[in-house]
């Protein structure tokens, strides 16, 4: 069996771990990243530096691999969709288009009858004037932003003038939920629709940034 060549868009921490895991399966990894200092270049078999919208550079990368994935959601949908015309991209570009837009993502989840906190679209600053019942809340950009970036905890409307918020962008305001505990569960789905469900993980954050993950979590029976 010939060696599989896996293309990975994004060269951060997840790309690094994916490359390490792939080596154990004799899978060659080729990473494409717009960050010349990406840590994953130290773990992959080949590293390609370039802009995600550089069509010629992306085409060269695609020719080197058999199948493609991406390590984070902020890869342009247009790039993934174009790649998918010639090489398989997993997860599908349509999935990425959904999860990279917080408002679309929450709308989708609610259509599945999965409960979320209350939220509302904010297109301009004045949209906030009548939303006191959503406070305290967190104002987030609908795209980009992670690890606390692009997120603004707000207790009252009076705080808005103290925050340097660019209202030329679209936002989502989410009602704050006082969490007792955050639990993550990773589920994988294979091409044959087989599922694997991994052990629950307890996460702790500081200043809206993940600080540690613990496996197994403390007993959940006291949390209702």
Protein backbone atom coordinates (compact mmCIF):
# COMPACT_ATOMS: atom_id res chain seq x y z
CA UNK A 1 0.00 0.00 0.00
CA UNK A 2 1.42 3.37 -0.99
CA UNK A 3 1.97 6.04 1.62
CA UNK A 4 -0.97 8.41 2.11
CA UNK A 5 -0.14 12.10 1.75
CA UNK A 6 -2.31 14.21 4.04
CA UNK A 7 -2.55 17.95 3.41
CA UNK A 8 -3.28 20.11 6.45
CA UNK A 9 -4.34 23.74 6.18
CA UNK A 10 -3.09 25.57 9.26
CA UNK A 11 0.14 25.09 11.16
CA UNK A 12 -0.69 25.68 14.81
CA UNK A 13 -0.95 23.42 17.84
CA UNK A 14 -3.61 21.14 16.37
CA UNK A 15 -1.68 20.80 13.12
CA UNK A 16 1.36 19.80 15.17
CA UNK A 17 -0.52 17.12 17.10
CA UNK A 18 -2.18 15.83 13.93
CA UNK A 19 1.21 15.48 12.26
CA UNK A 20 2.61 13.55 15.21
CA UNK A 21 -0.39 11.19 15.23
CA UNK A 22 -0.17 10.71 11.45
CA UNK A 23 3.45 9.56 11.67
CA UNK A 24 2.35 6.62 13.84
CA UNK A 25 0.06 5.53 10.99
CA UNK A 26 2.75 5.99 8.33
CA UNK A 27 0.87 8.96 6.87
CA UNK A 28 2.97 11.71 5.32
CA UNK A 29 1.84 15.22 6.31
CA UNK A 30 2.24 18.37 4.24
CA UNK A 31 1.20 21.59 5.97
CA UNK A 32 0.13 24.84 4.31
CA UNK A 33 0.11 27.91 6.55
CA UNK A 34 0.10 31.68 6.22
CA UNK A 35 2.35 31.89 9.30
CA UNK A 36 6.03 31.46 8.46
CA UNK A 37 6.75 30.66 12.11
CA UNK A 38 4.06 27.97 12.44
CA UNK A 39 5.08 25.43 15.10
CA UNK A 40 3.71 22.52 13.06
CA UNK A 41 6.55 22.85 10.54
CA UNK A 42 8.73 21.16 13.16
CA UNK A 43 6.59 18.01 13.08
CA UNK A 44 5.34 17.64 9.49
CA UNK A 45 7.15 16.07 6.54
CA UNK A 46 6.86 19.15 4.36
CA UNK A 47 5.88 22.76 5.03
CA UNK A 48 4.45 25.25 2.54
CA UNK A 49 4.20 28.94 3.44
CA UNK A 50 1.64 31.05 1.62
CA UNK A 51 -1.52 33.10 1.78
CA UNK A 52 -4.73 31.05 1.94
CA UNK A 53 -6.09 33.12 -0.98
CA UNK A 54 -3.02 32.64 -3.20
CA UNK A 55 -4.58 30.40 -5.89
CA UNK A 56 -1.30 29.41 -7.55
CA UNK A 57 0.40 28.51 -4.27
CA UNK A 58 -2.65 26.59 -3.06
CA UNK A 59 -2.82 24.67 -6.36
CA UNK A 60 0.82 23.62 -5.97
CA UNK A 61 0.06 22.41 -2.45
CA UNK A 62 -3.01 20.45 -3.60
CA UNK A 63 -0.96 18.57 -6.22
CA UNK A 64 1.32 17.25 -3.46
CA UNK A 65 -1.42 15.54 -1.41
CA UNK A 66 -4.14 12.88 -1.62
CA UNK A 67 -6.66 14.25 0.85
CA UNK A 68 -6.99 17.52 2.76
CA UNK A 69 -8.18 18.67 6.16
CA UNK A 70 -7.87 21.87 8.17
CA UNK A 71 -6.87 22.44 11.78
CA UNK A 72 -9.04 25.47 12.57
CA UNK A 73 -12.17 27.13 11.23
CA UNK A 74 -10.75 30.42 9.95
CA UNK A 75 -9.69 29.10 6.56
CA UNK A 76 -11.56 30.99 3.79
CA UNK A 77 -14.59 28.99 2.65
CA UNK A 78 -13.88 29.94 -0.98
CA UNK A 79 -10.42 28.36 -0.75
CA UNK A 80 -11.74 25.10 0.71
CA UNK A 81 -14.58 24.93 -1.80
CA UNK A 82 -12.19 25.38 -4.73
CA UNK A 83 -9.82 22.71 -3.39
CA UNK A 84 -12.74 20.31 -2.90
CA UNK A 85 -13.38 20.34 -6.67
CA UNK A 86 -10.16 18.40 -7.26
CA UNK A 87 -9.28 16.77 -3.92
CA UNK A 88 -11.48 15.63 -1.05
CA UNK A 89 -11.66 18.07 1.86
CA UNK A 90 -12.80 16.77 5.25
CA UNK A 91 -14.76 18.13 7.05
CA UNK A 92 -16.75 19.42 4.07
CA UNK A 93 -16.30 23.12 3.21
CA UNK A 94 -20.02 23.66 3.93
CA UNK A 95 -19.39 22.60 7.53
CA UNK A 96 -16.56 25.10 7.87
CA UNK A 97 -18.72 27.86 6.40
CA UNK A 98 -21.23 27.24 9.17
CA UNK A 99 -18.89 26.98 12.16
CA UNK A 100 -16.84 30.06 11.23
CA UNK A 101 -19.92 32.29 11.67
CA UNK A 102 -21.14 32.38 15.28
CA UNK A 103 -24.64 33.59 14.45
CA UNK A 104 -25.20 31.01 11.70
CA UNK A 105 -23.79 28.31 13.96
CA UNK A 106 -26.15 29.14 16.83
CA UNK A 107 -29.14 29.38 14.48
CA UNK A 108 -28.29 25.92 13.13
CA UNK A 109 -27.91 24.40 16.60
CA UNK A 110 -31.24 25.82 17.71
CA UNK A 111 -32.95 24.39 14.62
CA UNK A 112 -31.77 21.00 15.89
CA UNK A 113 -33.63 21.73 19.15
CA UNK A 114 -30.37 21.96 21.08
CA UNK A 115 -30.67 24.64 23.71
CA UNK A 116 -28.23 27.56 23.80
CA UNK A 117 -28.10 30.79 25.75
CA UNK A 118 -30.20 33.67 24.45
CA UNK A 119 -28.50 35.63 21.69
CA UNK A 120 -29.19 38.41 19.21
CA UNK A 121 -27.52 39.81 16.10
CA UNK A 122 -25.86 43.24 16.45
CA UNK A 123 -25.25 45.12 13.20
CA UNK A 124 -24.74 48.61 14.65
CA UNK A 125 -24.13 50.15 18.07
CA UNK A 126 -27.69 51.45 18.44
CA UNK A 127 -28.99 47.87 18.25
CA UNK A 128 -27.79 47.49 21.85
CA UNK A 129 -29.92 50.34 23.23
CA UNK A 130 -32.97 48.19 23.98
CA UNK A 131 -31.20 44.99 25.02
CA UNK A 132 -30.76 45.44 28.77
CA UNK A 133 -32.41 42.07 29.36
CA UNK A 134 -29.47 40.42 27.56
CA UNK A 135 -27.04 41.82 30.14
CA UNK A 136 -24.75 40.80 31.62
CA UNK A 137 -23.63 39.32 28.35
CA UNK A 138 -20.71 38.82 26.00
CA UNK A 139 -20.46 40.76 22.74
CA UNK A 140 -18.58 38.73 20.12
CA UNK A 141 -17.59 39.26 16.52
CA UNK A 142 -19.54 36.82 14.35
CA UNK A 143 -16.36 35.81 12.51
CA UNK A 144 -12.72 35.38 13.50
CA UNK A 145 -11.58 35.91 17.07
CA UNK A 146 -10.60 33.17 19.51
CA UNK A 147 -9.04 32.81 22.97
CA UNK A 148 -10.89 35.89 24.16
CA UNK A 149 -10.00 37.98 21.08
CA UNK A 150 -12.98 39.81 19.57
CA UNK A 151 -15.00 39.23 22.75
CA UNK A 152 -16.24 41.88 25.17
CA UNK A 153 -17.90 41.01 28.50
CA UNK A 154 -20.53 43.70 29.21
CA UNK A 155 -22.43 44.23 32.46
CA UNK A 156 -24.21 47.44 31.50
CA UNK A 157 -24.68 49.64 28.43
CA UNK A 158 -22.69 52.38 30.16
CA UNK A 159 -19.54 50.30 29.65
CA UNK A 160 -19.76 50.53 25.86
CA UNK A 161 -18.14 53.95 25.70
CA UNK A 162 -15.15 52.64 27.66
CA UNK A 163 -14.53 49.77 25.27
CA UNK A 164 -12.72 50.18 21.96
CA UNK A 165 -15.22 48.31 19.79
CA UNK A 166 -15.19 48.54 16.00
CA UNK A 167 -18.87 48.61 15.07
CA UNK A 168 -18.11 48.37 11.36
CA UNK A 169 -18.05 44.62 12.08
CA UNK A 170 -21.06 42.41 12.76
CA UNK A 171 -21.48 41.07 16.30
CA UNK A 172 -23.56 38.65 18.31
CA UNK A 173 -24.62 39.44 21.88
CA UNK A 174 -24.97 36.37 24.09
CA UNK A 175 -26.66 36.36 27.47
CA UNK A 176 -24.08 35.39 30.09
CA UNK A 177 -24.50 31.92 31.59
CA UNK A 178 -23.02 31.23 35.02
CA UNK A 179 -21.41 27.89 34.36
CA UNK A 180 -20.90 25.34 37.10
CA UNK A 181 -18.59 23.32 34.90
CA UNK A 182 -17.58 23.00 31.25
CA UNK A 183 -17.46 19.51 29.80
CA UNK A 184 -16.31 18.64 26.27
CA UNK A 185 -16.95 15.39 24.42
CA UNK A 186 -15.13 14.61 21.18
CA UNK A 187 -17.05 12.58 18.59
CA UNK A 188 -15.53 11.41 15.32
CA UNK A 189 -17.43 10.17 12.28
CA UNK A 190 -15.85 8.07 9.57
CA UNK A 191 -16.73 7.86 5.88
CA UNK A 192 -18.76 4.70 6.53
CA UNK A 193 -20.81 6.61 9.18
CA UNK A 194 -19.13 4.75 12.03
CA UNK A 195 -18.88 6.87 15.19
CA UNK A 196 -16.33 6.97 17.99
CA UNK A 197 -17.14 8.82 21.22
CA UNK A 198 -14.22 9.71 23.45
CA UNK A 199 -14.10 10.20 27.20
CA UNK A 200 -15.51 13.44 28.61
CA UNK A 201 -13.06 16.28 29.32
CA UNK A 202 -13.37 18.95 32.01
CA UNK A 203 -12.12 22.38 30.91
CA UNK A 204 -11.00 25.32 33.01
CA UNK A 205 -10.65 28.84 31.57
CA UNK A 206 -8.90 31.98 32.77
CA UNK A 207 -9.70 35.33 31.12
CA UNK A 208 -11.72 33.49 28.44
CA UNK A 209 -8.70 31.39 27.46
CA UNK A 210 -8.47 27.64 28.03
CA UNK A 211 -6.08 27.04 30.92
CA UNK A 212 -6.27 23.26 31.41
CA UNK A 213 -8.21 20.18 30.40
CA UNK A 214 -8.67 17.25 32.76
CA UNK A 215 -9.46 13.62 31.95
CA UNK A 216 -11.47 12.14 33.53
CA UNK A 217 -13.59 15.02 34.90
CA UNK A 218 -14.76 15.12 38.48
CA UNK A 219 -18.04 13.32 39.18
CA UNK A 220 -20.95 14.92 37.34
CA UNK A 221 -23.72 13.61 39.59
CA UNK A 222 -23.76 16.79 41.74
CA UNK A 223 -24.47 18.98 38.71
CA UNK A 224 -28.05 19.02 37.49
